[in-house]
Structure formats: structure tokens, C-alpha cells
Protein backbone atom coordinates (compact mmCIF):
# COMPACT_ATOMS: atom_id res chain seq x y z
CA MET A 1 -18.20 -35.49 14.12
CA LYS A 2 -19.74 -32.06 14.26
CA ILE A 3 -18.53 -30.16 17.25
CA ARG A 4 -21.11 -28.14 19.15
CA ILE A 5 -20.90 -25.25 21.55
CA VAL A 6 -22.02 -27.70 24.21
CA ASP A 7 -19.25 -29.97 23.62
CA ILE A 8 -16.73 -27.09 24.04
CA ALA A 9 -18.55 -26.04 27.35
CA LYS A 10 -18.17 -29.51 28.65
CA ARG A 11 -14.58 -29.70 27.94
CA ALA A 12 -13.83 -26.27 29.33
CA GLY A 13 -15.95 -26.80 32.36
CA VAL A 14 -18.05 -23.60 31.82
CA SER A 15 -21.57 -22.85 30.63
CA VAL A 16 -22.85 -22.87 27.21
CA GLY A 17 -23.70 -19.13 27.57
CA THR A 18 -20.04 -18.40 28.49
CA VAL A 19 -18.74 -20.22 25.41
CA ASP A 20 -21.25 -18.25 23.19
CA ARG A 21 -20.12 -14.84 24.67
CA ILE A 22 -16.40 -15.83 24.11
CA ILE A 23 -16.89 -17.10 20.44
CA HIS A 24 -18.87 -13.95 19.46
CA GLN A 25 -16.85 -11.64 21.66
CA ARG A 26 -19.71 -10.17 23.52
CA GLY A 27 -20.53 -9.61 27.14
CA ARG A 28 -18.12 -10.07 30.06
CA TYR A 29 -15.80 -12.92 30.98
CA SER A 30 -12.56 -13.36 32.66
CA GLU A 31 -9.21 -13.92 30.93
CA LYS A 32 -8.82 -17.22 32.75
CA THR A 33 -12.18 -18.42 31.49
CA ASN A 34 -11.35 -17.31 27.96
CA GLU A 35 -8.07 -19.29 27.95
CA LYS A 36 -9.85 -22.42 29.11
CA VAL A 37 -12.42 -22.09 26.30
CA GLN A 38 -9.81 -21.24 23.71
CA GLN A 39 -7.85 -24.33 24.72
CA ALA A 40 -11.08 -26.51 24.33
CA ILE A 41 -11.70 -25.01 20.96
CA LYS A 42 -8.15 -25.97 19.95
CA GLU A 43 -8.32 -29.45 21.29
CA LEU A 44 -11.70 -30.23 19.58
CA SER A 45 -10.66 -28.39 16.32
CA TYR A 46 -13.96 -26.31 16.39
CA ALA A 47 -14.56 -23.94 13.53
CA PRO A 48 -17.38 -21.54 13.63
CA ASN A 49 -20.14 -21.66 10.89
CA LEU A 50 -19.46 -18.49 8.92
CA MET A 51 -22.55 -18.83 6.94
CA ALA A 52 -24.67 -19.19 10.12
CA ARG A 53 -22.97 -16.19 11.56
CA ASN A 54 -23.58 -14.40 8.39
CA LEU A 55 -27.37 -15.14 8.58
CA ALA A 56 -27.42 -13.96 12.22
CA LEU A 57 -26.07 -10.45 11.56
CA LYS A 58 -28.63 -8.03 12.33
CA LYS A 59 -27.38 -5.64 9.53
CA GLU A 60 -25.18 -5.64 6.51
CA LEU A 61 -21.59 -4.76 7.30
CA ARG A 62 -20.38 -1.73 5.34
CA ILE A 63 -16.71 -1.32 4.39
CA VAL A 64 -15.61 1.86 2.48
CA CYS A 65 -12.60 2.00 0.38
CA LEU A 66 -11.10 5.55 -0.23
CA LEU A 67 -8.65 5.35 -3.22
CA PRO A 68 -7.24 7.78 -5.72
CA ASP A 69 -8.95 7.84 -9.01
CA PHE A 70 -7.08 5.71 -11.38
CA SER A 71 -8.34 7.63 -14.47
CA ASP A 72 -5.83 10.31 -13.13
CA THR A 73 -2.99 8.13 -12.07
CA GLN A 74 -2.76 4.52 -13.58
CA TYR A 75 -0.91 3.13 -10.60
CA TRP A 76 -4.20 3.07 -8.62
CA GLU A 77 -5.89 0.71 -11.01
CA ARG A 78 -4.35 -2.30 -9.40
CA PRO A 79 -5.10 -1.65 -5.82
CA PHE A 80 -8.65 -0.82 -7.06
CA SER A 81 -8.59 -4.29 -8.85
CA GLY A 82 -7.59 -5.96 -5.66
CA VAL A 83 -10.59 -4.50 -3.87
CA LYS A 84 -12.84 -5.75 -6.64
CA SER A 85 -11.35 -9.19 -6.21
CA ALA A 86 -12.22 -9.19 -2.42
CA MET A 87 -15.64 -7.91 -3.31
CA ALA A 88 -16.29 -10.95 -5.45
CA GLU A 89 -14.89 -13.26 -2.92
CA LEU A 90 -17.08 -11.88 -0.19
CA ALA A 91 -20.16 -11.72 -2.39
CA SER A 92 -21.92 -14.53 -0.46
CA PHE A 93 -21.60 -12.59 2.85
CA LYS A 94 -23.77 -9.76 4.31
CA VAL A 95 -21.02 -7.23 3.55
CA ASP A 96 -21.43 -4.13 1.39
CA ILE A 97 -18.06 -2.85 0.01
CA GLU A 98 -18.22 0.67 -1.46
CA THR A 99 -15.48 2.59 -3.14
CA VAL A 100 -14.99 6.50 -2.96
CA LEU A 101 -12.44 7.80 -5.47
CA PHE A 102 -10.67 11.04 -5.32
CA LEU A 103 -8.34 13.06 -7.56
CA PRO A 104 -4.93 13.39 -5.79
CA ARG A 105 -5.36 16.92 -4.75
CA LYS A 106 -5.83 18.25 -1.21
CA GLY A 107 -9.40 19.64 -1.90
CA ASN A 108 -10.62 16.50 -3.50
CA PHE A 109 -9.15 14.38 -0.87
CA SER A 110 -10.68 16.32 1.93
CA ALA A 111 -14.21 16.17 0.29
CA ALA A 112 -13.98 12.42 -0.29
CA CYS A 113 -13.09 11.95 3.49
CA ASP A 114 -16.29 13.75 4.31
CA GLN A 115 -18.16 11.62 1.91
CA VAL A 116 -16.74 8.41 3.50
CA LEU A 117 -17.81 9.71 6.96
CA ALA A 118 -21.37 10.53 5.65
CA LEU A 119 -21.64 6.76 4.64
CA LYS A 120 -21.59 5.68 8.21
CA PRO A 121 -19.06 2.73 7.57
CA ASP A 122 -18.32 -0.09 9.74
CA GLY A 123 -14.79 0.01 8.64
CA VAL A 124 -12.55 1.91 6.28
CA VAL A 125 -9.68 1.18 3.95
CA TYR A 126 -7.89 4.32 2.64
CA VAL A 127 -4.56 5.81 1.39
CA PRO A 128 -3.49 8.56 3.74
CA MET A 129 -2.30 10.76 0.94
CA PHE A 130 -2.15 14.34 2.55
CA PHE A 131 -0.92 14.37 6.11
CA SER A 132 -3.26 16.78 7.91
CA GLU A 133 -6.33 15.74 5.96
CA SER A 134 -5.52 12.12 6.61
CA THR A 135 -4.81 12.75 10.37
CA ARG A 136 -8.18 14.44 10.60
CA LEU A 137 -9.97 11.43 8.98
CA ALA A 138 -8.14 9.04 11.17
CA HIS A 139 -9.14 10.93 14.35
CA GLN A 140 -12.72 11.17 13.37
CA LEU A 141 -12.94 7.46 12.53
CA SER A 142 -11.28 6.62 15.93
CA GLU A 143 -13.62 8.86 17.91
CA SER A 144 -16.53 6.97 16.26
CA HIS A 145 -14.92 3.65 17.06
CA ILE A 146 -14.67 2.74 13.29
CA PRO A 147 -11.60 0.66 12.51
CA PHE A 148 -9.45 1.58 9.60
CA VAL A 149 -6.69 -0.13 7.53
CA GLN A 150 -4.28 2.03 5.63
CA ILE A 151 -2.57 0.96 2.38
CA ASN A 152 0.60 2.29 0.47
CA ILE A 153 1.28 5.08 2.88
CA PHE A 154 1.67 4.33 6.57
CA GLN A 155 0.81 6.87 9.41
CA PRO A 156 1.63 4.87 12.51
CA GLU A 157 1.00 7.80 14.85
CA VAL A 158 -2.85 7.65 14.06
CA LYS A 159 -2.70 3.82 15.19
CA PRO A 160 -4.57 2.13 12.08
CA LEU A 161 -5.85 -1.47 12.70
CA SER A 162 -3.35 -2.48 10.18
CA PHE A 163 -1.20 -1.32 7.29
CA VAL A 164 -0.74 -2.97 4.10
CA GLY A 165 2.01 -1.98 1.74
CA GLN A 166 5.84 -1.86 1.26
CA ASP A 167 8.51 -0.70 3.80
CA PRO A 168 9.51 2.54 1.90
CA ILE A 169 12.98 3.02 3.52
CA ALA A 170 13.83 -0.57 2.70
CA ALA A 171 12.75 -0.12 -0.75
CA GLY A 172 14.97 2.91 -1.10
CA ARG A 173 17.79 0.94 0.24
CA VAL A 174 17.33 -1.73 -2.40
CA ALA A 175 17.16 0.81 -5.18
CA ALA A 176 20.45 2.43 -3.94
CA SER A 177 22.09 -1.19 -3.85
CA LEU A 178 21.28 -1.59 -7.53
CA CYS A 179 22.75 1.79 -8.30
CA HIS A 180 25.66 1.20 -6.21
CA LEU A 181 26.63 -1.68 -8.56
CA ALA A 182 26.94 0.66 -11.46
CA LEU A 183 28.41 3.61 -9.69
CA LYS A 184 32.05 4.57 -10.64
CA LYS A 185 34.23 7.11 -9.16
CA GLY A 186 33.44 10.62 -10.31
CA ASN A 187 29.80 9.70 -11.20
CA SER A 188 26.95 11.74 -9.94
CA ILE A 189 23.28 10.61 -9.12
CA LEU A 190 20.09 12.57 -9.90
CA ILE A 191 16.95 12.05 -7.86
CA THR A 192 14.00 13.41 -9.56
CA TYR A 193 10.43 13.33 -8.18
CA ILE A 194 7.61 14.16 -10.67
CA SER A 195 4.50 15.12 -8.87
CA GLU A 196 1.12 16.92 -9.03
CA GLU A 197 1.60 19.19 -5.96
CA LYS A 198 4.34 19.88 -3.34
CA GLN A 199 5.49 16.57 -2.05
CA GLU A 200 3.57 15.52 1.09
CA TYR A 201 3.69 11.91 0.54
CA ALA A 202 5.76 10.41 3.40
CA HIS A 203 6.48 7.17 1.53
CA LEU A 204 8.29 9.00 -1.29
CA GLN A 205 10.42 11.00 1.20
CA GLU A 206 11.25 7.77 3.05
CA ARG A 207 12.27 6.08 -0.24
CA ILE A 208 14.68 8.96 -0.73
CA GLU A 209 15.77 8.69 2.88
CA GLY A 210 16.52 4.99 2.46
CA PHE A 211 18.38 5.55 -0.78
CA THR A 212 20.73 8.18 0.72
CA GLN A 213 21.06 6.23 3.91
CA TYR A 214 22.43 3.22 2.12
CA LEU A 215 24.99 5.30 0.21
CA LYS A 216 26.22 6.94 3.29
CA GLN A 217 26.62 3.62 4.97
CA LYS A 218 28.88 2.44 2.04
CA ASP A 219 30.99 5.69 2.67
CA LEU A 220 29.85 7.17 -0.63
CA ASN A 221 29.47 10.68 0.90
CA THR A 222 31.68 12.17 -1.83
CA THR A 223 29.14 11.00 -4.60
CA GLU A 224 27.21 14.13 -5.68
CA ILE A 225 23.45 13.63 -5.31
CA ALA A 226 21.37 16.32 -6.93
CA HIS A 227 17.64 16.80 -6.68
CA LEU A 228 15.16 17.89 -9.36
CA ASP A 229 11.56 18.47 -8.52
CA ILE A 230 9.36 18.43 -11.64
CA LYS A 231 5.64 19.44 -11.55
CA ILE A 232 3.47 17.05 -13.82
CA ARG A 233 1.23 19.92 -14.66
CA GLU A 234 3.92 21.71 -16.49
CA ASP A 235 4.11 21.52 -20.31
CA GLU A 236 6.02 18.45 -21.26
CA ALA A 237 8.56 20.57 -23.16
CA ALA A 238 9.12 22.39 -19.83
CA TYR A 239 10.24 19.27 -17.87
CA ASP A 240 12.17 17.98 -21.02
CA ASN A 241 14.17 21.33 -20.94
CA LEU A 242 14.58 21.03 -17.07
CA LEU A 243 16.00 17.55 -17.21
CA MET A 244 18.19 18.08 -20.36
CA GLN A 245 19.56 21.40 -18.84
CA HIS A 246 20.52 19.50 -15.64
CA LEU A 247 22.32 16.81 -17.61
CA LYS A 248 24.13 19.39 -19.41
CA ASP A 249 25.15 21.14 -16.33
CA HIS A 250 26.07 17.86 -14.49
CA SER A 251 27.74 15.93 -17.37
CA ASN A 252 29.03 13.28 -14.98
CA THR A 253 25.36 12.16 -13.99
CA ARG A 254 25.15 8.49 -14.69
CA ILE A 255 22.33 7.37 -12.54
CA ILE A 256 18.69 8.72 -12.31
CA TYR A 257 16.49 7.51 -9.37
CA VAL A 258 12.73 8.16 -9.66
CA PRO A 259 11.02 7.40 -6.28
CA ASN A 260 7.48 7.23 -7.62
CA SER A 261 5.64 5.51 -10.58
CA ARG A 262 6.55 8.21 -13.09
CA ALA A 263 10.05 6.90 -14.29
CA HIS A 264 8.37 6.61 -17.78
CA LYS A 265 8.17 10.43 -17.91
CA ILE A 266 12.05 10.48 -17.62
CA ALA A 267 12.48 7.68 -20.05
CA ALA A 268 10.41 9.28 -22.66
CA ILE A 269 12.75 12.26 -22.66
CA LEU A 270 15.93 10.17 -22.70
CA LYS A 271 14.52 8.11 -25.68
CA LYS A 272 13.58 11.43 -27.54
CA HIS A 273 17.34 12.55 -27.11
CA GLY A 274 18.88 9.07 -27.84
CA LEU A 275 20.31 8.71 -24.24
CA LYS A 276 20.65 5.14 -23.40
CA ASP A 277 23.89 5.26 -21.28
CA LEU A 278 22.17 6.31 -18.11
CA LEU A 279 21.00 3.83 -15.42
CA VAL A 280 17.31 4.57 -14.51
CA VAL A 281 15.69 3.03 -11.53
CA GLY A 282 11.93 3.58 -10.85
CA PHE A 283 8.91 2.11 -9.20
CA ASP A 284 5.68 0.21 -10.19
CA THR A 285 4.58 -1.81 -13.11
CA LEU A 286 2.61 0.73 -15.00
CA SER A 287 2.22 -0.24 -18.77
CA GLU A 288 4.39 2.72 -19.85
CA ASN A 289 7.06 1.88 -17.33
CA ILE A 290 7.19 -1.76 -18.71
CA LYS A 291 7.44 -0.40 -22.24
CA TYR A 292 10.53 1.58 -21.47
CA LEU A 293 11.94 -1.19 -19.27
CA LYS A 294 11.80 -3.51 -22.37
CA GLU A 295 13.19 -0.79 -24.50
CA GLY A 296 16.17 -0.22 -22.12
CA TYR A 297 15.34 3.31 -21.14
CA ILE A 298 14.55 2.04 -17.65
CA ASN A 299 16.96 -0.47 -16.12
CA PHE A 300 15.16 -1.56 -12.94
CA LEU A 301 11.69 -1.22 -11.63
CA ILE A 302 10.81 -1.87 -7.96
CA GLY A 303 7.50 -3.67 -7.84
CA GLN A 304 5.21 -3.96 -4.76
CA GLN A 305 2.39 -6.28 -5.79
CA SER A 306 -0.06 -3.37 -5.67
CA LYS A 307 -3.09 -5.50 -6.43
CA THR A 308 -2.39 -7.26 -3.22
CA GLN A 309 -2.83 -3.99 -1.26
CA GLY A 310 -6.41 -3.48 -2.07
CA TYR A 311 -7.32 -7.17 -1.72
CA GLN A 312 -5.41 -7.82 1.62
CA ALA A 313 -6.65 -4.63 3.21
CA VAL A 314 -10.31 -5.46 2.50
CA MET A 315 -9.92 -9.11 3.68
CA SER A 316 -8.14 -8.11 6.78
CA LEU A 317 -10.96 -5.66 7.69
CA PHE A 318 -13.43 -8.31 6.98
CA ASN A 319 -11.76 -10.87 9.27
CA ALA A 320 -11.65 -8.26 12.01
CA LEU A 321 -15.31 -7.20 11.76
CA PHE A 322 -17.05 -10.52 10.75
CA ARG A 323 -14.65 -13.20 12.10
CA LYS A 324 -13.56 -11.05 15.08
CA GLU A 325 -10.01 -12.07 14.34
CA LYS A 326 -7.02 -10.25 15.58
CA ILE A 327 -5.27 -8.97 12.44
CA ALA A 328 -1.57 -8.23 12.08
CA PRO A 329 -0.84 -4.59 12.57
CA LEU A 330 1.80 -4.68 9.63
CA HIS A 331 1.49 -6.59 6.38
CA LEU A 332 4.55 -5.71 4.55
CA LEU A 333 4.70 -6.66 0.93
CA PRO A 334 7.72 -7.96 -0.97
CA ILE A 335 10.26 -5.67 -2.55
CA ASP A 336 10.42 -7.14 -6.04
CA ILE A 337 13.42 -6.23 -8.46
CA LEU A 338 12.21 -6.27 -12.06
CA THR A 339 14.12 -6.20 -15.28
CA ALA A 340 13.28 -6.59 -18.87
CA GLU A 341 14.27 -10.31 -18.59
CA ASN A 342 11.80 -11.17 -15.68
CA ILE A 343 8.93 -8.88 -15.99
CA GLY A 344 6.94 -11.32 -18.11
CA PHE A 345 6.86 -13.79 -15.03
CA TYR A 346 5.48 -10.80 -12.85
CA GLN A 347 2.43 -10.46 -14.99
CA GLY A 348 0.19 -12.57 -12.83
CA LEU A 349 0.62 -10.37 -9.79
CA MET A 350 -0.38 -7.32 -11.83
CA GLU A 351 -3.69 -8.39 -13.37
């Protein structure tokens, strides 16, 4: 039997107008009245007609997704793919989902933020890649009462509607636990971060923090941990020389930890010099990372189901704007340990 609003009103002992206001979250009503109506909805198993609500919308909802350009960094192709999947799923609704891409440089990101605001969105999904610029965008969105969901990098202080991504400290601890298994007395560890600009990305620093935190808790304070910052814009021969000089000067290095998606850059150098006796742990299922994982120059990859980030963020924002649902403030993704032996079974989460 089809449940009508009038049925809910009778069950709750309120007017039809009151039920309509509560279902569509408009106008004024008391919390006690809301509880009675919600109880009646639950008892009658009422589900709103989403297509009817879609037709009743006075204007098309606009969701804007601000993402790094994957032509510059391959990792971002999969969150973008997740956004595209959400777009396809929501094609029958009055929802316009637009993407704004930026190169991962401060100036490009700042300009892209201005572009997002100019589009006058109803909601925004974005990667807060640079701290001050991201904070500015969050404040401007909040002042305009525009809800936003952050992916990949979490800025809790700006109070996003939700965050979709991995817990970076926990991910760093998982990486350290893998290294701990191979660590022997007298071995040293190299943490190398390969980046475009000076590291501002909080999640990378937190992956390092989680890594070192784990080792301290295991009373491995005597283990030497060195850091090597390599700028990706440098000539490839330059960071080849940097890495090889470090390994020469620290001949007891047996573990290399790369807290971002560029472990393949390190693996390529190791392959060039025939070094396969080092344990290398990195992040993300880029095709080049998978190649060196299968060849044995990367031993472990930490996967984070990156396609899910884009998809889940858009769907959460849609549910909040259209269905008026209360969404979870944190949607933490699994910390997947990938090896040459199981990477083939992970493929479906990457496509």
C-alpha cells in the first residue's frame, strides 16, 4: 500500500502541513513534533518519492568538484573517475556536477578557488592542497552557507560537512609495521618525499608522523631515520645522484619509505643500479608503481581506494543537498596492504 503524507499526519496526530515541513525541512516546528513525525514515518516505512522531489526543485542543483589535474599527477585520475561515476548515477536528477582542475601549484590552486566561487555552487567537493589558500576557500564557502566536502586531505579546523579519505597517521603506522618486520639491528631507514614544491600537504607529514610514532612505541629510538627531500622538477640525473650519494654515505640503509605516490621514482633508480636488496614501501596504485611492485623494486604499496574518494564525496553532498540527509562527518577508507601477489585482485577498485 502506498503511504501518503496524510497517513503520517494521522499516525503522528499533527497536520498535513506540519508533516510536509518536516519531510522537506522547511519552516518551523518543535523537536517534540519532529520526533512524533519521524516515529510515524518509521512505523509506516514511508520513503519519499525522489523523482517527484526532483521535479519539484525550482532550480538545478550545482555541485562543483575542485581536483588536481591528473595530466600532471596520475594519482588524481582515479578520484576524477569516481566523480564521473557519480555523475552517471545522478544523470536522471536535476543536478549539474562540474569539475574544475588545477595544477598542484599555489598560484594555480588559488585561481581555481576563485573560479569555483564564481560558479555560485550549491555545494563543493575539493582537495585542500595548500593550507592558507584552502582555509580561505573554506571560510568563503562557509560565509556563503555553501556546504563542502573535503577529500584526501583533511582540515578539521575549517569544519567541512564531511571528509572522505584515509587516516594518514594510521596509514603511516601500517607502513612502519611492515618495515619493522624486516628491520634488523644496525639497519637505518630513509624517508624520502618527492614533491613539486615545499611540502605543505598535511597528510604527507602525518604519514611520516605515524611512521616514526610507531617505531618509537616499539622502542626503536636507536634506529637511524634519515630524511631526503627531492624536488620532482630537478633533472632526473640530479635526484639519481642525491639518492645514490645518500646510500653510499649510509651503507646500512635497508629500508626506504616514500609517503606519497612517487615510489616509482625511487624504484627506477634502484633498478638502474641493480639494487634489489632494499625494502621499499610506498603509496597508491599508479601504473608505474604497480610495474615496479611486480618487478620487486617496490615491496609494499598502501592502497586507499582512491576512486571511492571522488564517488563517495559527490554522493554524500548530493544526499545532504537533495535528500536532506545528515551525512557522516568522517568517511575513512580502508588501509590496504598490496603486494605483487595480491595486486591483481585489487584491480576492480582502481578502474
